[in-house]
N, C-alpha and C. Protein backbone atom coordinates (compact mmCIF):
# COMPACT_ATOMS: atom_id res chain seq x y z
N MET A 1 26.03 20.72 10.87
CA MET A 1 24.72 20.87 10.23
C MET A 1 24.62 19.87 9.04
N ALA A 2 23.52 19.18 8.99
CA ALA A 2 23.28 18.16 7.97
C ALA A 2 22.93 18.83 6.66
N SER A 3 23.44 18.18 5.64
CA SER A 3 23.15 18.69 4.24
C SER A 3 21.74 18.23 3.84
N ILE A 4 21.29 18.83 2.84
CA ILE A 4 19.91 18.49 2.35
C ILE A 4 19.85 17.06 1.90
N LYS A 5 20.90 16.56 1.29
CA LYS A 5 20.86 15.15 0.85
C LYS A 5 20.74 14.23 2.10
N GLU A 6 21.51 14.52 3.15
CA GLU A 6 21.39 13.67 4.31
C GLU A 6 19.97 13.71 4.95
N VAL A 7 19.39 14.93 5.05
CA VAL A 7 18.07 15.06 5.55
C VAL A 7 17.05 14.31 4.73
N MET A 8 17.15 14.46 3.39
CA MET A 8 16.22 13.75 2.50
C MET A 8 16.41 12.21 2.62
N ALA A 9 17.64 11.78 2.74
CA ALA A 9 17.92 10.33 2.94
C ALA A 9 17.26 9.82 4.23
N GLU A 10 17.36 10.63 5.28
CA GLU A 10 16.79 10.22 6.61
C GLU A 10 15.29 10.20 6.50
N VAL A 11 14.66 11.24 5.88
CA VAL A 11 13.20 11.27 5.75
C VAL A 11 12.74 10.10 4.88
N THR A 12 13.42 9.83 3.81
CA THR A 12 13.14 8.69 2.96
C THR A 12 13.19 7.39 3.70
N SER A 13 14.16 7.25 4.54
CA SER A 13 14.32 6.04 5.31
C SER A 13 13.14 5.90 6.32
N TRP A 14 12.73 6.97 6.91
CA TRP A 14 11.59 6.93 7.85
C TRP A 14 10.30 6.53 7.05
N LEU A 15 10.07 7.18 5.94
CA LEU A 15 8.90 6.90 5.15
C LEU A 15 8.91 5.46 4.63
N ARG A 16 10.09 4.92 4.27
CA ARG A 16 10.11 3.55 3.84
C ARG A 16 9.78 2.59 5.02
N SER A 17 10.33 2.93 6.21
CA SER A 17 10.01 2.09 7.36
C SER A 17 8.52 2.11 7.70
N ALA A 18 7.87 3.32 7.67
CA ALA A 18 6.50 3.41 7.93
C ALA A 18 5.64 2.66 6.93
N THR A 19 6.05 2.74 5.67
CA THR A 19 5.32 2.05 4.61
C THR A 19 5.47 0.46 4.76
N GLU A 20 6.62 0.00 5.16
CA GLU A 20 6.81 -1.36 5.36
C GLU A 20 5.94 -1.85 6.55
N LEU A 21 5.93 -1.05 7.65
CA LEU A 21 5.12 -1.38 8.80
C LEU A 21 3.65 -1.44 8.40
N GLY A 22 3.21 -0.44 7.64
CA GLY A 22 1.81 -0.44 7.15
C GLY A 22 1.42 -1.69 6.36
N ILE A 23 2.34 -2.08 5.44
CA ILE A 23 2.07 -3.25 4.67
C ILE A 23 2.09 -4.48 5.52
N SER A 24 2.95 -4.57 6.47
CA SER A 24 2.93 -5.70 7.39
C SER A 24 1.64 -5.76 8.25
N LEU A 25 1.15 -4.66 8.69
CA LEU A 25 -0.10 -4.63 9.44
C LEU A 25 -1.28 -5.01 8.54
N ILE A 26 -1.30 -4.52 7.31
CA ILE A 26 -2.36 -4.85 6.38
C ILE A 26 -2.36 -6.45 6.12
N LEU A 27 -1.21 -6.92 5.96
CA LEU A 27 -1.11 -8.41 5.74
C LEU A 27 -1.58 -9.12 6.95
N ALA A 28 -1.23 -8.72 8.15
CA ALA A 28 -1.67 -9.37 9.37
C ALA A 28 -3.16 -9.27 9.50
N PHE A 29 -3.72 -8.09 9.19
CA PHE A 29 -5.21 -7.94 9.26
C PHE A 29 -5.98 -8.81 8.26
N VAL A 30 -5.37 -8.95 7.04
CA VAL A 30 -5.96 -9.82 6.02
C VAL A 30 -5.99 -11.25 6.54
N ILE A 31 -4.89 -11.70 7.08
CA ILE A 31 -4.80 -13.10 7.61
C ILE A 31 -5.85 -13.28 8.75
N LEU A 32 -5.93 -12.29 9.63
CA LEU A 32 -6.97 -12.37 10.67
C LEU A 32 -8.37 -12.39 10.11
N ASP A 33 -8.58 -11.61 9.07
CA ASP A 33 -9.93 -11.50 8.50
C ASP A 33 -10.28 -12.83 7.72
N VAL A 34 -9.29 -13.51 7.23
CA VAL A 34 -9.49 -14.78 6.58
C VAL A 34 -9.81 -15.87 7.62
N LEU A 35 -9.04 -15.83 8.76
CA LEU A 35 -9.27 -16.82 9.75
C LEU A 35 -10.54 -16.59 10.53
N PHE A 36 -10.90 -15.34 10.78
CA PHE A 36 -12.13 -14.98 11.47
C PHE A 36 -12.95 -14.02 10.54
N PRO A 37 -13.76 -14.58 9.66
CA PRO A 37 -14.43 -13.73 8.69
C PRO A 37 -15.30 -12.67 9.37
N GLY A 38 -15.18 -11.43 8.82
CA GLY A 38 -16.03 -10.36 9.27
C GLY A 38 -15.51 -9.68 10.58
N ALA A 39 -14.46 -10.20 11.12
CA ALA A 39 -13.99 -9.61 12.37
C ALA A 39 -13.39 -8.18 12.18
N ILE A 40 -12.70 -7.99 11.06
CA ILE A 40 -12.06 -6.69 10.83
C ILE A 40 -12.61 -6.04 9.62
N GLY A 41 -12.92 -6.77 8.58
CA GLY A 41 -13.46 -6.21 7.36
C GLY A 41 -12.44 -5.66 6.38
N VAL A 42 -11.19 -6.09 6.52
CA VAL A 42 -10.14 -5.62 5.62
C VAL A 42 -10.28 -6.12 4.25
N VAL A 43 -10.68 -7.36 4.09
CA VAL A 43 -10.87 -8.02 2.78
C VAL A 43 -11.95 -7.19 1.99
N ASN A 44 -13.00 -6.91 2.63
CA ASN A 44 -14.10 -6.11 1.94
C ASN A 44 -13.57 -4.73 1.55
N ASN A 45 -12.86 -4.09 2.40
CA ASN A 45 -12.29 -2.77 2.10
C ASN A 45 -11.30 -2.84 0.94
N ILE A 46 -10.48 -3.89 0.87
CA ILE A 46 -9.56 -3.97 -0.27
C ILE A 46 -10.34 -4.25 -1.52
N GLY A 47 -11.43 -4.99 -1.48
CA GLY A 47 -12.28 -5.25 -2.62
C GLY A 47 -12.89 -3.94 -3.11
N VAL A 48 -13.29 -3.07 -2.23
CA VAL A 48 -13.89 -1.77 -2.57
C VAL A 48 -12.83 -0.88 -3.26
N ILE A 49 -11.66 -0.89 -2.74
CA ILE A 49 -10.56 -0.06 -3.33
C ILE A 49 -10.26 -0.55 -4.71
N VAL A 50 -10.06 -1.85 -4.93
CA VAL A 50 -9.83 -2.37 -6.25
C VAL A 50 -10.98 -2.14 -7.16
N GLY A 51 -12.17 -2.23 -6.65
CA GLY A 51 -13.35 -1.88 -7.50
C GLY A 51 -13.37 -0.45 -7.97
N GLN A 52 -12.94 0.46 -7.06
CA GLN A 52 -12.92 1.88 -7.45
C GLN A 52 -11.87 2.08 -8.57
N PHE A 53 -10.80 1.33 -8.54
CA PHE A 53 -9.80 1.49 -9.64
C PHE A 53 -10.35 0.95 -10.96
N SER A 54 -11.20 -0.11 -10.86
CA SER A 54 -11.62 -0.74 -12.10
C SER A 54 -12.93 -0.15 -12.60
N GLU A 55 -13.60 0.75 -11.84
CA GLU A 55 -14.91 1.36 -12.33
C GLU A 55 -14.67 2.15 -13.58
N PRO A 56 -13.64 3.03 -13.69
CA PRO A 56 -13.47 3.83 -14.88
C PRO A 56 -13.04 3.04 -16.08
N GLY A 57 -12.90 1.74 -15.97
CA GLY A 57 -12.57 0.87 -17.04
C GLY A 57 -11.05 0.77 -17.20
N LEU A 58 -10.65 0.81 -18.45
CA LEU A 58 -9.25 0.65 -18.79
C LEU A 58 -8.32 1.66 -18.15
N VAL A 59 -8.79 2.93 -18.04
CA VAL A 59 -7.92 3.99 -17.44
C VAL A 59 -7.66 3.65 -15.97
N GLY A 60 -8.66 3.20 -15.20
CA GLY A 60 -8.44 2.84 -13.87
C GLY A 60 -7.51 1.61 -13.70
N LEU A 61 -7.69 0.66 -14.59
CA LEU A 61 -6.79 -0.56 -14.55
C LEU A 61 -5.38 -0.15 -14.84
N ILE A 62 -5.16 0.76 -15.86
CA ILE A 62 -3.83 1.21 -16.18
C ILE A 62 -3.21 1.94 -14.97
N ALA A 63 -4.00 2.80 -14.34
CA ALA A 63 -3.56 3.52 -13.14
C ALA A 63 -3.11 2.56 -12.03
N LEU A 64 -3.92 1.54 -11.79
CA LEU A 64 -3.56 0.57 -10.73
C LEU A 64 -2.24 -0.16 -11.16
N LEU A 65 -2.10 -0.57 -12.38
CA LEU A 65 -0.92 -1.25 -12.82
C LEU A 65 0.31 -0.36 -12.69
N LEU A 66 0.19 0.95 -13.06
CA LEU A 66 1.34 1.86 -12.88
C LEU A 66 1.65 2.04 -11.45
N PHE A 67 0.65 2.12 -10.54
CA PHE A 67 0.93 2.25 -9.15
C PHE A 67 1.67 1.03 -8.60
N LEU A 68 1.26 -0.15 -8.99
CA LEU A 68 1.93 -1.37 -8.59
C LEU A 68 3.35 -1.46 -9.18
N LEU A 69 3.52 -1.03 -10.39
CA LEU A 69 4.86 -0.98 -11.00
C LEU A 69 5.81 -0.09 -10.25
N LEU A 70 5.35 1.12 -9.94
CA LEU A 70 6.17 2.08 -9.18
C LEU A 70 6.43 1.56 -7.81
N PHE A 71 5.50 0.93 -7.14
CA PHE A 71 5.65 0.39 -5.80
C PHE A 71 6.71 -0.67 -5.84
N LYS A 72 6.66 -1.59 -6.79
CA LYS A 72 7.63 -2.69 -6.91
C LYS A 72 9.03 -2.15 -7.18
N LYS A 73 9.13 -1.08 -7.99
CA LYS A 73 10.40 -0.50 -8.33
C LYS A 73 11.06 0.08 -7.12
N GLN A 74 10.30 0.61 -6.15
CA GLN A 74 10.87 1.19 -4.92
C GLN A 74 11.44 0.13 -4.00
N GLN A 75 10.97 -1.10 -4.04
CA GLN A 75 11.48 -2.12 -3.21
C GLN A 75 12.73 -2.68 -3.81
């Protein structure tokens, strides 16, 4: 029987792999959207998401920076 630490390590590994796959897919879609404008609309969606973070002003910008800092620390 696996210990809790082993199970958590396995789940963390799966989540990390899924996240890396998601980031790779987003990057591929951005490249496709740049090469064929309007085909997928990923660039517009990313703009909307960044805009939502910056709408509340400084608080949203700080939240975005903290998110990026935590994401970079995980890698």
